[in-house]
Amino acid sequence: MREVNWLHGLNPVKEALRGKRKVLEVYLQRGKSEGSKREVLSLCASLGIKTSYVDRSFFSSFPKGHQGIAARTGSLRSYSLHDLEEITTERGASPLYLLLDGIVDPRNLGAIIRTAEAAGIHAVITEKRRTATGETVAKTSAGALEYLPLIRVPNIKHAIKFMKEEGVTVFGAEADGERDYWSFDLRGPVALVLGSEGKGLRETVRKACDYTLRIPLLGRVGSLNVAVAAGVL
């Protein structure tokens, strides 16, 4: 049986139509202004994708922020660590990866993915069990998931080991890191590891990294939200 997924919100649906994901049908709230949805309608028409107008009640099961638009889609391509060489070759640039150790807030994960795609990260690697999932991640990423490979692994430490064996230098971001982030040469094959919202990197993950770096904070607040830290780095 073909797996079916749902996307909601204008940008996620629009980027799914522009990207490689199979879009089966798009649903629009009847009576809602169509001004902002013209591009979606145009894309659906050019791709031969069915559009259906539905009542507001259709969206009652979706989270807030659906904007009166949803799409029924197939799954994104599933990637593994062994696809990294192919991904990097397609990008034609020195490898730059982001590993996430236990990001459980879906909005944080979505925001990190959006920032990572904009910054040119080649792939985001997360653990299967200790990471947020769902429609909120896709919505908050504003469509970035359609373009940025997301690799889910059983164990983030094994992913770090794999990368180091491939010649990638791994930096862990911590409040008490060895040096300020700008003092490191982050060119060349590099992976950055960010920890969970409340606890940071697990000690075993920290020890697996080649180096730890920090964001210097000059104010009185002692830490940054993990999504904000990802944007700074």
C-alpha atoms as a PDB file:
ATOM      1  CA  MET A   1       0.000   0.000   0.000  1.00  0.00           C
ATOM      2  CA  ARG A   2       1.288   3.469  -0.898  1.00  0.00           C
ATOM      3  CA  GLU A   3       2.136   5.575   2.154  1.00  0.00           C
ATOM      4  CA  VAL A   4       0.149   8.810   2.346  1.00  0.00           C
ATOM      5  CA  ASN A   5       1.232  11.911   4.230  1.00  0.00           C
ATOM      6  CA  TRP A   6      -0.345  15.284   4.861  1.00  0.00           C
ATOM      7  CA  LEU A   7       1.094  18.761   4.561  1.00  0.00           C
ATOM      8  CA  HIS A   8      -0.679  21.932   5.622  1.00  0.00           C
ATOM      9  CA  GLY A   9       0.076  25.609   5.178  1.00  0.00           C
ATOM     10  CA  LEU A  10       0.791  27.664   2.074  1.00  0.00           C
ATOM     11  CA  ASN A  11       4.598  27.447   1.937  1.00  0.00           C
ATOM     12  CA  PRO A  12       4.945  23.711   2.679  1.00  0.00           C
ATOM     13  CA  VAL A  13       2.349  22.859   0.019  1.00  0.00           C
ATOM     14  CA  LYS A  14       3.894  25.239  -2.503  1.00  0.00           C
ATOM     15  CA  GLU A  15       7.406  23.850  -2.000  1.00  0.00           C
ATOM     16  CA  ALA A  16       6.133  20.270  -2.218  1.00  0.00           C
ATOM     17  CA  LEU A  17       4.674  21.127  -5.624  1.00  0.00           C
ATOM     18  CA  ARG A  18       7.968  22.678  -6.694  1.00  0.00           C
ATOM     19  CA  GLY A  19      10.085  19.851  -5.286  1.00  0.00           C
ATOM     20  CA  LYS A  20      10.404  16.133  -5.946  1.00  0.00           C
ATOM     21  CA  ARG A  21       7.674  14.824  -3.656  1.00  0.00           C
ATOM     22  CA  LYS A  22       4.625  13.178  -5.225  1.00  0.00           C
ATOM     23  CA  VAL A  23       1.557  15.360  -4.531  1.00  0.00           C
ATOM     24  CA  LEU A  24      -1.696  13.435  -4.881  1.00  0.00           C
ATOM     25  CA  GLU A  25      -4.308  16.126  -4.242  1.00  0.00           C
ATOM     26  CA  VAL A  26      -4.542  19.676  -2.869  1.00  0.00           C
ATOM     27  CA  TYR A  27      -7.447  20.832  -0.685  1.00  0.00           C
ATOM     28  CA  LEU A  28      -8.510  24.478  -0.403  1.00  0.00           C
ATOM     29  CA  GLN A  29     -10.981  25.989   2.044  1.00  0.00           C
ATOM     30  CA  ARG A  30     -14.124  27.147   0.284  1.00  0.00           C
ATOM     31  CA  GLY A  31     -14.734  30.888   0.599  1.00  0.00           C
ATOM     32  CA  LYS A  32     -11.163  31.658   1.651  1.00  0.00           C
ATOM     33  CA  SER A  33      -9.380  34.396  -0.288  1.00  0.00           C
ATOM     34  CA  GLU A  34      -7.523  32.875  -3.222  1.00  0.00           C
ATOM     35  CA  GLY A  35      -5.104  35.747  -3.770  1.00  0.00           C
ATOM     36  CA  SER A  36      -2.225  34.079  -1.962  1.00  0.00           C
ATOM     37  CA  LYS A  37      -3.049  30.665  -3.433  1.00  0.00           C
ATOM     38  CA  ARG A  38      -2.866  31.586  -7.109  1.00  0.00           C
ATOM     39  CA  GLU A  39       0.627  30.159  -7.490  1.00  0.00           C
ATOM     40  CA  VAL A  40      -0.500  26.874  -5.899  1.00  0.00           C
ATOM     41  CA  LEU A  41      -3.451  26.660  -8.271  1.00  0.00           C
ATOM     42  CA  SER A  42      -1.197  27.442 -11.229  1.00  0.00           C
ATOM     43  CA  LEU A  43       1.313  24.764 -10.191  1.00  0.00           C
ATOM     44  CA  CYS A  44      -1.457  22.195  -9.736  1.00  0.00           C
ATOM     45  CA  ALA A  45      -2.855  22.993 -13.169  1.00  0.00           C
ATOM     46  CA  SER A  46       0.538  22.684 -14.859  1.00  0.00           C
ATOM     47  CA  LEU A  47       1.312  19.404 -13.069  1.00  0.00           C
ATOM     48  CA  GLY A  48      -2.134  17.898 -13.560  1.00  0.00           C
ATOM     49  CA  ILE A  49      -2.783  17.630  -9.820  1.00  0.00           C
ATOM     50  CA  LYS A  50      -6.377  17.557  -8.629  1.00  0.00           C
ATOM     51  CA  THR A  51      -7.614  20.438  -6.451  1.00  0.00           C
ATOM     52  CA  SER A  52     -10.706  20.173  -4.253  1.00  0.00           C
ATOM     53  CA  TYR A  53     -12.623  22.909  -2.435  1.00  0.00           C
ATOM     54  CA  VAL A  54     -13.758  21.832   1.023  1.00  0.00           C
ATOM     55  CA  ASP A  55     -15.596  23.302   4.010  1.00  0.00           C
ATOM     56  CA  ARG A  56     -13.770  24.762   6.983  1.00  0.00           C
ATOM     57  CA  SER A  57     -14.612  21.652   9.034  1.00  0.00           C
ATOM     58  CA  PHE A  58     -12.263  19.630   6.802  1.00  0.00           C
ATOM     59  CA  PHE A  59      -9.317  21.339   8.509  1.00  0.00           C
ATOM     60  CA  SER A  60     -10.510  20.738  12.079  1.00  0.00           C
ATOM     61  CA  SER A  61      -8.006  17.910  12.577  1.00  0.00           C
ATOM     62  CA  PHE A  62      -5.045  20.002  11.400  1.00  0.00           C
ATOM     63  CA  PRO A  63      -2.927  22.124  13.756  1.00  0.00           C
ATOM     64  CA  LYS A  64      -3.409  25.877  13.832  1.00  0.00           C
ATOM     65  CA  GLY A  65      -1.773  27.753  10.991  1.00  0.00           C
ATOM     66  CA  HIS A  66      -3.095  25.563   8.174  1.00  0.00           C
ATOM     67  CA  GLN A  67      -4.163  28.719   6.248  1.00  0.00           C
ATOM     68  CA  GLY A  68      -7.027  26.840   4.641  1.00  0.00           C
ATOM     69  CA  ILE A  69      -4.787  24.692   2.465  1.00  0.00           C
ATOM     70  CA  ALA A  70      -3.557  21.106   2.729  1.00  0.00           C
ATOM     71  CA  ALA A  71      -2.080  18.466   0.462  1.00  0.00           C
ATOM     72  CA  ARG A  72      -2.163  14.693   0.429  1.00  0.00           C
ATOM     73  CA  THR A  73       1.288  13.502  -0.609  1.00  0.00           C
ATOM     74  CA  GLY A  74       3.585  10.551  -0.935  1.00  0.00           C
ATOM     75  CA  SER A  75       6.667  10.204   1.231  1.00  0.00           C
ATOM     76  CA  LEU A  76       9.896  12.085   0.851  1.00  0.00           C
ATOM     77  CA  ARG A  77      12.877  10.053  -0.278  1.00  0.00           C
ATOM     78  CA  SER A  78      14.463   8.097   2.560  1.00  0.00           C
ATOM     79  CA  TYR A  79      18.214   8.711   2.910  1.00  0.00           C
ATOM     80  CA  SER A  80      20.969   6.874   4.784  1.00  0.00           C
ATOM     81  CA  LEU A  81      24.521   7.817   5.756  1.00  0.00           C
ATOM     82  CA  HIS A  82      25.746   5.921   2.705  1.00  0.00           C
ATOM     83  CA  ASP A  83      23.958   8.495   0.514  1.00  0.00           C
ATOM     84  CA  LEU A  84      26.127  11.361   1.807  1.00  0.00           C
ATOM     85  CA  GLU A  85      28.705  10.990  -0.966  1.00  0.00           C
ATOM     86  CA  GLU A  86      25.972  11.223  -3.609  1.00  0.00           C
ATOM     87  CA  ILE A  87      24.391  14.218  -1.856  1.00  0.00           C
ATOM     88  CA  THR A  88      27.709  16.063  -1.615  1.00  0.00           C
ATOM     89  CA  THR A  89      28.618  15.309  -5.239  1.00  0.00           C
ATOM     90  CA  GLU A  90      25.306  16.797  -6.374  1.00  0.00           C
ATOM     91  CA  ARG A  91      25.956  19.956  -4.341  1.00  0.00           C
ATOM     92  CA  GLY A  92      29.465  20.358  -5.717  1.00  0.00           C
ATOM     93  CA  ALA A  93      30.842  21.895  -2.523  1.00  0.00           C
ATOM     94  CA  SER A  94      32.849  20.837   0.511  1.00  0.00           C
ATOM     95  CA  PRO A  95      30.694  18.690   2.852  1.00  0.00           C
ATOM     96  CA  LEU A  96      28.779  20.529   5.562  1.00  0.00           C
ATOM     97  CA  TYR A  97      26.467  18.473   7.776  1.00  0.00           C
ATOM     98  CA  LEU A  98      24.299  19.144  10.816  1.00  0.00           C
ATOM     99  CA  LEU A  99      23.684  16.460  13.452  1.00  0.00           C
ATOM    100  CA  LEU A 100      20.953  16.879  16.067  1.00  0.00           C
ATOM    101  CA  ASP A 101      21.085  15.080  19.399  1.00  0.00           C
ATOM    102  CA  GLY A 102      17.566  14.849  20.832  1.00  0.00           C
ATOM    103  CA  ILE A 103      15.657  17.861  19.456  1.00  0.00           C
ATOM    104  CA  VAL A 104      12.152  16.968  20.674  1.00  0.00           C
ATOM    105  CA  ASP A 105      10.301  20.253  20.053  1.00  0.00           C
ATOM    106  CA  PRO A 106       8.828  20.079  16.522  1.00  0.00           C
ATOM    107  CA  ARG A 107       8.910  23.859  16.086  1.00  0.00           C
ATOM    108  CA  ASN A 108      12.576  23.995  16.999  1.00  0.00           C
ATOM    109  CA  LEU A 109      13.363  21.161  14.604  1.00  0.00           C
ATOM    110  CA  GLY A 110      11.402  22.797  11.794  1.00  0.00           C
ATOM    111  CA  ALA A 111      13.121  26.145  12.375  1.00  0.00           C
ATOM    112  CA  ILE A 112      16.552  24.475  12.433  1.00  0.00           C
ATOM    113  CA  ILE A 113      15.840  22.668   9.150  1.00  0.00           C
ATOM    114  CA  ARG A 114      14.685  25.927   7.551  1.00  0.00           C
ATOM    115  CA  THR A 115      17.856  27.719   8.685  1.00  0.00           C
ATOM    116  CA  ALA A 116      20.084  24.809   7.647  1.00  0.00           C
ATOM    117  CA  GLU A 117      18.650  24.720   4.131  1.00  0.00           C
ATOM    118  CA  ALA A 118      19.114  28.478   3.753  1.00  0.00           C
ATOM    119  CA  ALA A 119      22.715  28.214   5.010  1.00  0.00           C
ATOM    120  CA  GLY A 120      23.663  25.521   2.489  1.00  0.00           C
ATOM    121  CA  ILE A 121      23.870  22.540   4.845  1.00  0.00           C
ATOM    122  CA  HIS A 122      24.094  19.351   2.765  1.00  0.00           C
ATOM    123  CA  ALA A 123      22.117  17.082   5.102  1.00  0.00           C
ATOM    124  CA  VAL A 124      20.601  16.991   8.585  1.00  0.00           C
ATOM    125  CA  ILE A 125      21.107  13.825  10.632  1.00  0.00           C
ATOM    126  CA  THR A 126      18.857  12.962  13.586  1.00  0.00           C
ATOM    127  CA  GLU A 127      18.139   9.932  15.757  1.00  0.00           C
ATOM    128  CA  LYS A 128      14.993   7.978  14.955  1.00  0.00           C
ATOM    129  CA  ARG A 129      13.793   7.753  18.559  1.00  0.00           C
ATOM    130  CA  ARG A 130      14.843  10.993  20.221  1.00  0.00           C
ATOM    131  CA  THR A 131      13.680  13.533  17.632  1.00  0.00           C
ATOM    132  CA  ALA A 132      10.447  15.384  16.874  1.00  0.00           C
ATOM    133  CA  THR A 133       8.379  14.301  13.871  1.00  0.00           C
ATOM    134  CA  GLY A 134       5.078  15.210  12.248  1.00  0.00           C
ATOM    135  CA  GLU A 135       3.256  17.889  10.300  1.00  0.00           C
ATOM    136  CA  THR A 136       4.370  20.700  12.625  1.00  0.00           C
ATOM    137  CA  VAL A 137       8.001  20.047  11.679  1.00  0.00           C
ATOM    138  CA  ALA A 138       7.124  20.305   7.989  1.00  0.00           C
ATOM    139  CA  LYS A 139       5.031  23.444   8.538  1.00  0.00           C
ATOM    140  CA  THR A 140       7.693  25.240  10.588  1.00  0.00           C
ATOM    141  CA  SER A 141      10.399  24.336   8.083  1.00  0.00           C
ATOM    142  CA  ALA A 142       8.403  26.379   5.517  1.00  0.00           C
ATOM    143  CA  GLY A 143       9.057  23.842   2.775  1.00  0.00           C
ATOM    144  CA  ALA A 144      12.787  23.347   3.428  1.00  0.00           C
ATOM    145  CA  LEU A 145      12.237  19.603   3.960  1.00  0.00           C
ATOM    146  CA  GLU A 146      11.475  19.305   0.250  1.00  0.00           C
ATOM    147  CA  TYR A 147      15.080  20.224  -0.583  1.00  0.00           C
ATOM    148  CA  LEU A 148      17.245  19.296   2.400  1.00  0.00           C
ATOM    149  CA  PRO A 149      17.965  15.575   2.913  1.00  0.00           C
ATOM    150  CA  LEU A 150      16.957  14.392   6.388  1.00  0.00           C
ATOM    151  CA  ILE A 151      18.702  11.226   7.570  1.00  0.00           C
ATOM    152  CA  ARG A 152      17.322   9.348  10.585  1.00  0.00           C
ATOM    153  CA  VAL A 153      19.811   7.008  12.238  1.00  0.00           C
ATOM    154  CA  PRO A 154      19.503   4.545  15.144  1.00  0.00           C
ATOM    155  CA  ASN A 155      22.406   6.111  17.035  1.00  0.00           C
ATOM    156  CA  ILE A 156      23.908   9.589  16.607  1.00  0.00           C
ATOM    157  CA  LYS A 157      27.277   8.455  18.025  1.00  0.00           C
ATOM    158  CA  HIS A 158      27.570   5.858  15.277  1.00  0.00           C
ATOM    159  CA  ALA A 159      26.835   8.596  12.731  1.00  0.00           C
ATOM    160  CA  ILE A 160      29.651  10.704  14.194  1.00  0.00           C
ATOM    161  CA  LYS A 161      32.024   7.712  13.990  1.00  0.00           C
ATOM    162  CA  PHE A 162      30.989   7.120  10.365  1.00  0.00           C
ATOM    163  CA  MET A 163      31.693  10.743   9.445  1.00  0.00           C
ATOM    164  CA  LYS A 164      35.067  10.828  11.161  1.00  0.00           C
ATOM    165  CA  GLU A 165      36.073   7.704   9.236  1.00  0.00           C
ATOM    166  CA  GLU A 166      35.118   9.579   6.050  1.00  0.00           C
ATOM    167  CA  GLY A 167      37.454  12.460   6.917  1.00  0.00           C
ATOM    168  CA  VAL A 168      34.834  14.838   8.321  1.00  0.00           C
ATOM    169  CA  THR A 169      35.835  16.993  11.315  1.00  0.00           C
ATOM    170  CA  VAL A 170      33.054  16.972  13.918  1.00  0.00           C
ATOM    171  CA  PHE A 171      32.375  19.989  16.142  1.00  0.00           C
ATOM    172  CA  GLY A 172      29.993  19.850  19.098  1.00  0.00           C
ATOM    173  CA  ALA A 173      28.275  23.083  20.144  1.00  0.00           C
ATOM    174  CA  GLU A 174      28.220  23.601  23.913  1.00  0.00           C
ATOM    175  CA  ALA A 175      27.860  26.558  26.267  1.00  0.00           C
ATOM    176  CA  ASP A 176      31.238  25.664  27.800  1.00  0.00           C
ATOM    177  CA  GLY A 177      32.952  24.698  24.548  1.00  0.00           C
ATOM    178  CA  GLU A 178      36.732  24.838  24.211  1.00  0.00           C
ATOM    179  CA  ARG A 179      36.850  28.034  22.140  1.00  0.00           C
ATOM    180  CA  ASP A 180      34.595  30.608  20.487  1.00  0.00           C
ATOM    181  CA  TYR A 181      33.191  29.277  17.217  1.00  0.00           C
ATOM    182  CA  TRP A 182      34.898  31.893  15.047  1.00  0.00           C
ATOM    183  CA  SER A 183      38.360  30.772  16.196  1.00  0.00           C
ATOM    184  CA  PHE A 184      37.959  27.443  14.370  1.00  0.00           C
ATOM    185  CA  ASP A 185      38.503  26.918  10.655  1.00  0.00           C
ATOM    186  CA  LEU A 186      35.124  25.542   9.623  1.00  0.00           C
ATOM    187  CA  ARG A 187      36.030  25.076   5.983  1.00  0.00           C
ATOM    188  CA  GLY A 188      36.617  21.626   4.572  1.00  0.00           C
ATOM    189  CA  PRO A 189      34.501  18.581   5.420  1.00  0.00           C
ATOM    190  CA  VAL A 190      32.724  19.637   8.622  1.00  0.00           C
ATOM    191  CA  ALA A 191      29.836  18.404  10.767  1.00  0.00           C
ATOM    192  CA  LEU A 192      28.234  20.432  13.554  1.00  0.00           C
ATOM    193  CA  VAL A 193      26.405  18.684  16.407  1.00  0.00           C
ATOM    194  CA  LEU A 194      23.669  20.453  18.402  1.00  0.00           C
ATOM    195  CA  GLY A 195      22.191  19.031  21.594  1.00  0.00           C
ATOM    196  CA  SER A 196      18.708  18.946  23.087  1.00  0.00           C
ATOM    197  CA  GLU A 197      16.821  22.030  24.217  1.00  0.00           C
ATOM    198  CA  GLY A 198      17.198  21.396  27.927  1.00  0.00           C
ATOM    199  CA  LYS A 199      20.371  19.376  28.389  1.00  0.00           C
ATOM    200  CA  GLY A 200      22.643  20.095  25.453  1.00  0.00           C
ATOM    201  CA  LEU A 201      24.869  17.320  24.176  1.00  0.00           C
ATOM    202  CA  ARG A 202      24.907  14.020  25.997  1.00  0.00           C
ATOM    203  CA  GLU A 203      28.329  13.376  27.514  1.00  0.00           C
ATOM    204  CA  THR A 204      28.970  10.365  25.278  1.00  0.00           C
ATOM    205  CA  VAL A 205      28.102  12.422  22.195  1.00  0.00           C
ATOM    206  CA  ARG A 206      30.314  15.277  23.352  1.00  0.00           C
ATOM    207  CA  LYS A 207      33.261  12.914  23.816  1.00  0.00           C
ATOM    208  CA  ALA A 208      32.725  11.512  20.318  1.00  0.00           C
ATOM    209  CA  CYS A 209      33.257  14.964  18.748  1.00  0.00           C
ATOM    210  CA  ASP A 210      36.697  16.136  17.629  1.00  0.00           C
ATOM    211  CA  TYR A 211      36.252  19.579  19.198  1.00  0.00           C
ATOM    212  CA  THR A 212      33.654  21.597  21.092  1.00  0.00           C
ATOM    213  CA  LEU A 213      32.875  25.214  20.294  1.00  0.00           C
ATOM    214  CA  ARG A 214      30.775  27.875  21.978  1.00  0.00           C
ATOM    215  CA  ILE A 215      28.827  31.004  21.131  1.00  0.00           C
ATOM    216  CA  PRO A 216      30.119  33.828  23.353  1.00  0.00           C
ATOM    217  CA  LEU A 217      27.281  35.536  25.247  1.00  0.00           C
ATOM    218  CA  LEU A 218      27.896  39.098  26.396  1.00  0.00           C
ATOM    219  CA  GLY A 219      24.558  39.709  28.103  1.00  0.00           C
ATOM    220  CA  ARG A 220      23.096  38.315  31.297  1.00  0.00           C
ATOM    221  CA  VAL A 221      21.124  35.500  29.672  1.00  0.00           C
ATOM    222  CA  GLY A 222      23.135  32.311  30.028  1.00  0.00           C
ATOM    223  CA  SER A 223      21.908  30.371  27.014  1.00  0.00           C
ATOM    224  CA  LEU A 224      20.213  30.531  23.622  1.00  0.00           C
ATOM    225  CA  ASN A 225      17.291  28.568  22.218  1.00  0.00           C
ATOM    226  CA  VAL A 226      18.731  25.711  20.143  1.00  0.00           C
ATOM    227  CA  ALA A 227      17.078  26.977  16.943  1.00  0.00           C
ATOM    228  CA  VAL A 228      18.584  30.436  17.522  1.00  0.00           C
ATOM    229  CA  ALA A 229      21.995  28.885  18.211  1.00  0.00           C
ATOM    230  CA  ALA A 230      21.742  26.973  14.930  1.00  0.00           C
ATOM    231  CA  GLY A 231      21.095  30.250  13.124  1.00  0.00           C
ATOM    232  CA  VAL A 232      24.120  31.932  14.719  1.00  0.00           C
ATOM    233  CA  LEU A 233      26.457  29.055  13.866  1.00  0.00           C
END
